[in-house]
Amino acid sequence: MDPQLDRIKTEVLAGKAPGFLINKDRMLRFQNRVCIHAIEEIRRKILDVGHNTPHSVRPGVNNLYKDLKRTFWLINMKQEVTDYVVKCLTCQRVKVEHQRHVGLLQPLEIPE
């Protein structure tokens, strides 16, 4: 499946990969985070769920990365999260540079 994770698995079995372990379900973990293979559908689904959950309110790159980093370990995860958020049409529409200015500020009247 993923040659890099397969190489890491063999290093774990040889005792040469610090921080990595294989749990009883034969799942590779890095510092208690699940290692995800380079299968595009799986990675896309993880990013979709992390980005579109009702509680996340469309987090930006940093917040989404921090949320996913707690549970998952992906090779080049920061870059993949950045690419995903940049391509999100909803996020592009809500960015500050795409919002209209409301006009000039009006001074408040000073009560006498």
N, C-alpha and C. Protein backbone atom coordinates (compact mmCIF):
# COMPACT_ATOMS: atom_id res chain seq x y z
N MET A 1 0.82 -1.19 0.00
CA MET A 1 0.00 0.00 0.00
C MET A 1 0.87 1.26 0.00
N ASP A 2 1.44 1.60 1.13
CA ASP A 2 2.27 2.79 1.26
C ASP A 2 3.69 2.34 1.57
N PRO A 3 4.63 2.50 0.63
CA PRO A 3 5.98 2.00 0.84
C PRO A 3 6.69 2.63 2.04
N GLN A 4 6.42 3.90 2.33
CA GLN A 4 7.09 4.54 3.47
C GLN A 4 6.60 3.95 4.79
N LEU A 5 5.28 3.74 4.93
CA LEU A 5 4.77 3.15 6.16
C LEU A 5 5.17 1.68 6.28
N ASP A 6 5.25 0.98 5.15
CA ASP A 6 5.72 -0.40 5.19
C ASP A 6 7.17 -0.47 5.66
N ARG A 7 7.99 0.49 5.21
CA ARG A 7 9.39 0.55 5.65
C ARG A 7 9.46 0.84 7.15
N ILE A 8 8.59 1.74 7.61
CA ILE A 8 8.57 2.07 9.05
C ILE A 8 8.14 0.85 9.85
N LYS A 9 7.17 0.09 9.34
CA LYS A 9 6.72 -1.12 10.05
C LYS A 9 7.86 -2.12 10.21
N THR A 10 8.63 -2.31 9.15
CA THR A 10 9.76 -3.25 9.26
C THR A 10 10.80 -2.72 10.25
N GLU A 11 11.00 -1.41 10.30
CA GLU A 11 11.94 -0.84 11.26
C GLU A 11 11.42 -1.00 12.69
N VAL A 12 10.10 -0.90 12.88
CA VAL A 12 9.51 -1.09 14.21
C VAL A 12 9.74 -2.52 14.66
N LEU A 13 9.51 -3.47 13.76
CA LEU A 13 9.70 -4.88 14.10
C LEU A 13 11.17 -5.18 14.43
N ALA A 14 12.08 -4.42 13.81
CA ALA A 14 13.50 -4.59 14.09
C ALA A 14 13.95 -3.77 15.29
N GLY A 15 13.04 -2.94 15.83
CA GLY A 15 13.36 -2.11 16.99
C GLY A 15 14.16 -0.87 16.65
N LYS A 16 14.05 -0.40 15.41
CA LYS A 16 14.86 0.73 14.97
C LYS A 16 14.05 2.01 14.71
N ALA A 17 12.77 2.05 15.08
CA ALA A 17 11.95 3.23 14.81
C ALA A 17 11.41 3.79 16.12
N PRO A 18 12.15 4.69 16.75
CA PRO A 18 11.68 5.25 18.03
C PRO A 18 10.43 6.11 17.83
N GLY A 19 9.50 5.99 18.75
CA GLY A 19 8.26 6.74 18.67
C GLY A 19 7.14 5.99 17.99
N PHE A 20 7.49 5.02 17.16
CA PHE A 20 6.50 4.23 16.44
C PHE A 20 6.27 2.92 17.19
N LEU A 21 5.05 2.40 17.09
CA LEU A 21 4.76 1.08 17.63
C LEU A 21 3.60 0.47 16.86
N ILE A 22 3.50 -0.84 16.95
CA ILE A 22 2.39 -1.56 16.32
C ILE A 22 1.55 -2.12 17.46
N ASN A 23 0.26 -1.70 17.51
CA ASN A 23 -0.58 -2.15 18.62
C ASN A 23 -1.14 -3.54 18.35
N LYS A 24 -1.98 -4.04 19.25
CA LYS A 24 -2.47 -5.42 19.15
C LYS A 24 -3.36 -5.64 17.92
N ASP A 25 -3.93 -4.56 17.36
CA ASP A 25 -4.73 -4.69 16.14
C ASP A 25 -3.88 -4.57 14.88
N ARG A 26 -2.56 -4.62 15.03
CA ARG A 26 -1.58 -4.49 13.94
C ARG A 26 -1.66 -3.13 13.26
N MET A 27 -2.06 -2.10 14.02
CA MET A 27 -2.13 -0.75 13.50
C MET A 27 -0.87 0.00 13.90
N LEU A 28 -0.26 0.66 12.94
CA LEU A 28 0.95 1.43 13.19
C LEU A 28 0.56 2.76 13.82
N ARG A 29 1.26 3.11 14.90
CA ARG A 29 1.00 4.36 15.60
C ARG A 29 2.31 5.10 15.81
N PHE A 30 2.21 6.42 15.83
CA PHE A 30 3.35 7.27 16.15
C PHE A 30 2.93 8.15 17.31
N GLN A 31 3.57 8.00 18.45
CA GLN A 31 3.26 8.74 19.67
C GLN A 31 1.75 8.72 19.95
N ASN A 32 1.18 7.54 19.87
CA ASN A 32 -0.24 7.27 20.15
C ASN A 32 -1.19 7.89 19.12
N ARG A 33 -0.70 8.27 17.95
CA ARG A 33 -1.54 8.77 16.86
C ARG A 33 -1.57 7.72 15.76
N VAL A 34 -2.69 7.57 15.11
CA VAL A 34 -2.86 6.57 14.05
C VAL A 34 -2.13 7.03 12.80
N CYS A 35 -1.29 6.16 12.24
CA CYS A 35 -0.59 6.46 10.99
C CYS A 35 -1.51 6.14 9.81
N ILE A 36 -1.67 7.07 8.91
CA ILE A 36 -2.58 6.93 7.79
C ILE A 36 -1.78 6.66 6.52
N HIS A 37 -2.24 5.66 5.75
CA HIS A 37 -1.59 5.31 4.49
C HIS A 37 -1.83 6.39 3.44
N ALA A 38 -1.06 6.34 2.38
CA ALA A 38 -1.14 7.33 1.31
C ALA A 38 -2.26 7.00 0.33
N ILE A 39 -3.40 6.60 0.82
CA ILE A 39 -4.56 6.34 -0.03
C ILE A 39 -5.39 7.62 -0.06
N GLU A 40 -5.54 8.18 -1.25
CA GLU A 40 -6.16 9.50 -1.40
C GLU A 40 -7.56 9.56 -0.81
N GLU A 41 -8.36 8.51 -0.98
CA GLU A 41 -9.74 8.53 -0.48
C GLU A 41 -9.78 8.61 1.05
N ILE A 42 -8.89 7.89 1.70
CA ILE A 42 -8.86 7.90 3.16
C ILE A 42 -8.43 9.27 3.67
N ARG A 43 -7.37 9.81 3.09
CA ARG A 43 -6.89 11.12 3.52
C ARG A 43 -7.94 12.20 3.26
N ARG A 44 -8.60 12.15 2.11
CA ARG A 44 -9.63 13.12 1.78
C ARG A 44 -10.78 13.05 2.77
N LYS A 45 -11.18 11.83 3.14
CA LYS A 45 -12.29 11.65 4.09
C LYS A 45 -11.92 12.23 5.46
N ILE A 46 -10.69 12.00 5.91
CA ILE A 46 -10.24 12.53 7.19
C ILE A 46 -10.25 14.06 7.16
N LEU A 47 -9.76 14.64 6.09
CA LEU A 47 -9.75 16.10 5.98
C LEU A 47 -11.17 16.65 5.88
N ASP A 48 -12.05 15.97 5.14
CA ASP A 48 -13.45 16.39 5.03
C ASP A 48 -14.13 16.41 6.39
N VAL A 49 -13.99 15.33 7.12
CA VAL A 49 -14.64 15.24 8.44
C VAL A 49 -14.06 16.27 9.40
N GLY A 50 -12.75 16.44 9.41
CA GLY A 50 -12.14 17.42 10.30
C GLY A 50 -12.51 18.85 9.96
N HIS A 51 -12.72 19.12 8.68
CA HIS A 51 -12.99 20.49 8.23
C HIS A 51 -14.48 20.84 8.25
N ASN A 52 -15.34 19.85 8.06
CA ASN A 52 -16.75 20.13 7.88
C ASN A 52 -17.65 19.74 9.05
N THR A 53 -17.09 19.36 10.17
CA THR A 53 -17.94 19.00 11.30
C THR A 53 -18.63 20.25 11.83
N PRO A 54 -19.85 20.11 12.35
CA PRO A 54 -20.58 21.28 12.84
C PRO A 54 -19.86 22.02 13.96
N HIS A 55 -19.04 21.33 14.74
CA HIS A 55 -18.38 21.97 15.86
C HIS A 55 -17.11 22.72 15.45
N SER A 56 -16.60 22.45 14.26
CA SER A 56 -15.34 23.08 13.85
C SER A 56 -15.54 24.47 13.27
N VAL A 57 -16.68 24.78 12.72
CA VAL A 57 -17.00 26.06 12.11
C VAL A 57 -15.92 26.46 11.11
N ARG A 58 -15.58 25.58 10.23
CA ARG A 58 -14.60 25.79 9.17
C ARG A 58 -13.30 26.42 9.69
N PRO A 59 -12.52 25.63 10.43
CA PRO A 59 -11.28 26.19 10.96
C PRO A 59 -10.28 26.48 9.85
N GLY A 60 -9.37 27.36 10.12
CA GLY A 60 -8.32 27.66 9.16
C GLY A 60 -7.27 26.57 9.16
N VAL A 61 -6.19 26.82 8.49
CA VAL A 61 -5.13 25.83 8.34
C VAL A 61 -4.57 25.41 9.69
N ASN A 62 -4.22 26.38 10.52
CA ASN A 62 -3.57 26.05 11.79
C ASN A 62 -4.49 25.27 12.72
N ASN A 63 -5.75 25.70 12.85
CA ASN A 63 -6.67 25.01 13.75
C ASN A 63 -6.98 23.60 13.26
N LEU A 64 -7.19 23.44 11.96
CA LEU A 64 -7.46 22.11 11.42
C LEU A 64 -6.25 21.20 11.62
N TYR A 65 -5.06 21.72 11.39
CA TYR A 65 -3.85 20.94 11.58
C TYR A 65 -3.71 20.50 13.04
N LYS A 66 -3.95 21.42 13.98
CA LYS A 66 -3.84 21.07 15.40
C LYS A 66 -4.87 20.02 15.79
N ASP A 67 -6.10 20.15 15.27
CA ASP A 67 -7.15 19.17 15.58
C ASP A 67 -6.80 17.78 15.06
N LEU A 68 -6.35 17.71 13.81
CA LEU A 68 -6.03 16.41 13.22
C LEU A 68 -4.75 15.82 13.81
N LYS A 69 -3.83 16.69 14.20
CA LYS A 69 -2.55 16.22 14.74
C LYS A 69 -2.72 15.45 16.05
N ARG A 70 -3.78 15.75 16.78
CA ARG A 70 -4.02 15.04 18.04
C ARG A 70 -4.31 13.56 17.82
N THR A 71 -4.92 13.22 16.69
CA THR A 71 -5.38 11.85 16.46
C THR A 71 -4.61 11.12 15.36
N PHE A 72 -4.20 11.84 14.32
CA PHE A 72 -3.62 11.20 13.14
C PHE A 72 -2.19 11.64 12.89
N TRP A 73 -1.46 10.75 12.21
CA TRP A 73 -0.12 11.06 11.75
C TRP A 73 -0.08 10.74 10.27
N LEU A 74 0.10 11.77 9.44
CA LEU A 74 0.21 11.60 8.00
C LEU A 74 1.55 12.15 7.56
N ILE A 75 2.12 11.54 6.55
CA ILE A 75 3.34 12.07 5.98
C ILE A 75 2.96 13.35 5.24
N ASN A 76 3.67 14.44 5.49
CA ASN A 76 3.39 15.76 4.91
C ASN A 76 2.01 16.28 5.28
N MET A 77 1.57 16.05 6.51
CA MET A 77 0.22 16.44 6.92
C MET A 77 0.00 17.95 6.84
N LYS A 78 0.95 18.75 7.28
CA LYS A 78 0.78 20.20 7.27
C LYS A 78 0.53 20.71 5.85
N GLN A 79 1.28 20.18 4.88
CA GLN A 79 1.12 20.59 3.49
C GLN A 79 -0.24 20.15 2.94
N GLU A 80 -0.66 18.94 3.28
CA GLU A 80 -1.95 18.45 2.80
C GLU A 80 -3.11 19.27 3.37
N VAL A 81 -3.02 19.62 4.66
CA VAL A 81 -4.06 20.45 5.28
C VAL A 81 -4.09 21.82 4.62
N THR A 82 -2.93 22.40 4.36
CA THR A 82 -2.85 23.71 3.70
C THR A 82 -3.48 23.66 2.32
N ASP A 83 -3.13 22.64 1.54
CA ASP A 83 -3.70 22.51 0.20
C ASP A 83 -5.22 22.34 0.25
N TYR A 84 -5.71 21.57 1.22
CA TYR A 84 -7.14 21.33 1.34
C TYR A 84 -7.90 22.62 1.66
N VAL A 85 -7.41 23.38 2.62
CA VAL A 85 -8.11 24.61 3.03
C VAL A 85 -8.04 25.66 1.92
N VAL A 86 -6.92 25.74 1.21
CA VAL A 86 -6.79 26.70 0.12
C VAL A 86 -7.80 26.40 -1.00
N LYS A 87 -8.07 25.12 -1.24
CA LYS A 87 -9.00 24.73 -2.30
C LYS A 87 -10.46 24.77 -1.87
N CYS A 88 -10.74 24.99 -0.59
CA CYS A 88 -12.12 25.02 -0.09
C CYS A 88 -12.80 26.31 -0.55
N LEU A 89 -13.85 26.18 -1.36
CA LEU A 89 -14.52 27.35 -1.91
C LEU A 89 -15.20 28.18 -0.83
N THR A 90 -15.77 27.53 0.17
CA THR A 90 -16.42 28.27 1.25
C THR A 90 -15.41 29.12 2.00
N CYS A 91 -14.24 28.55 2.29
CA CYS A 91 -13.21 29.30 3.01
C CYS A 91 -12.71 30.48 2.17
N GLN A 92 -12.63 30.31 0.86
CA GLN A 92 -12.18 31.39 0.00
C GLN A 92 -13.17 32.54 0.00
N ARG A 93 -14.47 32.22 0.06
CA ARG A 93 -15.49 33.27 0.04
C ARG A 93 -15.54 34.05 1.35
N VAL A 94 -15.13 33.43 2.45
CA VAL A 94 -15.26 34.07 3.76
C VAL A 94 -14.01 34.84 4.15
N LYS A 95 -12.94 34.69 3.41
CA LYS A 95 -11.70 35.37 3.77
C LYS A 95 -11.89 36.88 3.79
N VAL A 96 -11.11 37.55 4.58
CA VAL A 96 -11.25 38.98 4.79
C VAL A 96 -11.08 39.74 3.47
N GLU A 97 -10.14 39.33 2.65
CA GLU A 97 -9.89 40.09 1.43
C GLU A 97 -11.05 39.98 0.44
N HIS A 98 -11.97 39.04 0.65
CA HIS A 98 -13.12 38.90 -0.23
C HIS A 98 -14.37 39.58 0.33
N GLN A 99 -14.30 40.12 1.53
CA GLN A 99 -15.46 40.78 2.13
C GLN A 99 -15.51 42.24 1.71
N ARG A 100 -16.71 42.78 1.64
CA ARG A 100 -16.90 44.18 1.28
C ARG A 100 -16.68 45.08 2.50
N HIS A 101 -16.18 46.24 2.22
CA HIS A 101 -16.02 47.22 3.28
C HIS A 101 -17.38 47.82 3.59
N VAL A 102 -17.65 48.07 4.85
CA VAL A 102 -18.95 48.63 5.24
C VAL A 102 -18.98 50.14 5.09
N GLY A 103 -17.88 50.76 4.84
CA GLY A 103 -17.85 52.21 4.67
C GLY A 103 -16.95 52.86 5.69
N LEU A 104 -16.96 54.18 5.68
CA LEU A 104 -16.13 54.91 6.63
C LEU A 104 -16.76 54.88 8.01
N LEU A 105 -15.92 54.95 9.01
CA LEU A 105 -16.42 55.00 10.38
C LEU A 105 -17.07 56.35 10.64
N GLN A 106 -18.16 56.34 11.36
CA GLN A 106 -18.88 57.56 11.71
C GLN A 106 -18.60 57.88 13.18
N PRO A 107 -18.31 59.14 13.47
CA PRO A 107 -18.04 59.48 14.88
C PRO A 107 -19.32 59.40 15.70
N LEU A 108 -19.17 58.96 16.93
CA LEU A 108 -20.31 58.88 17.84
C LEU A 108 -20.56 60.25 18.46
N GLU A 109 -21.83 60.52 18.73
CA GLU A 109 -22.15 61.78 19.38
C GLU A 109 -21.76 61.69 20.85
N ILE A 110 -21.20 62.76 21.37
CA ILE A 110 -20.80 62.81 22.77
C ILE A 110 -21.99 63.34 23.57
N PRO A 111 -22.50 62.57 24.54
CA PRO A 111 -23.64 63.04 25.32
C PRO A 111 -23.26 64.25 26.18
N GLU A 112 -24.20 65.17 26.34
CA GLU A 112 -23.90 66.38 27.13
C GLU A 112 -24.26 66.20 28.57
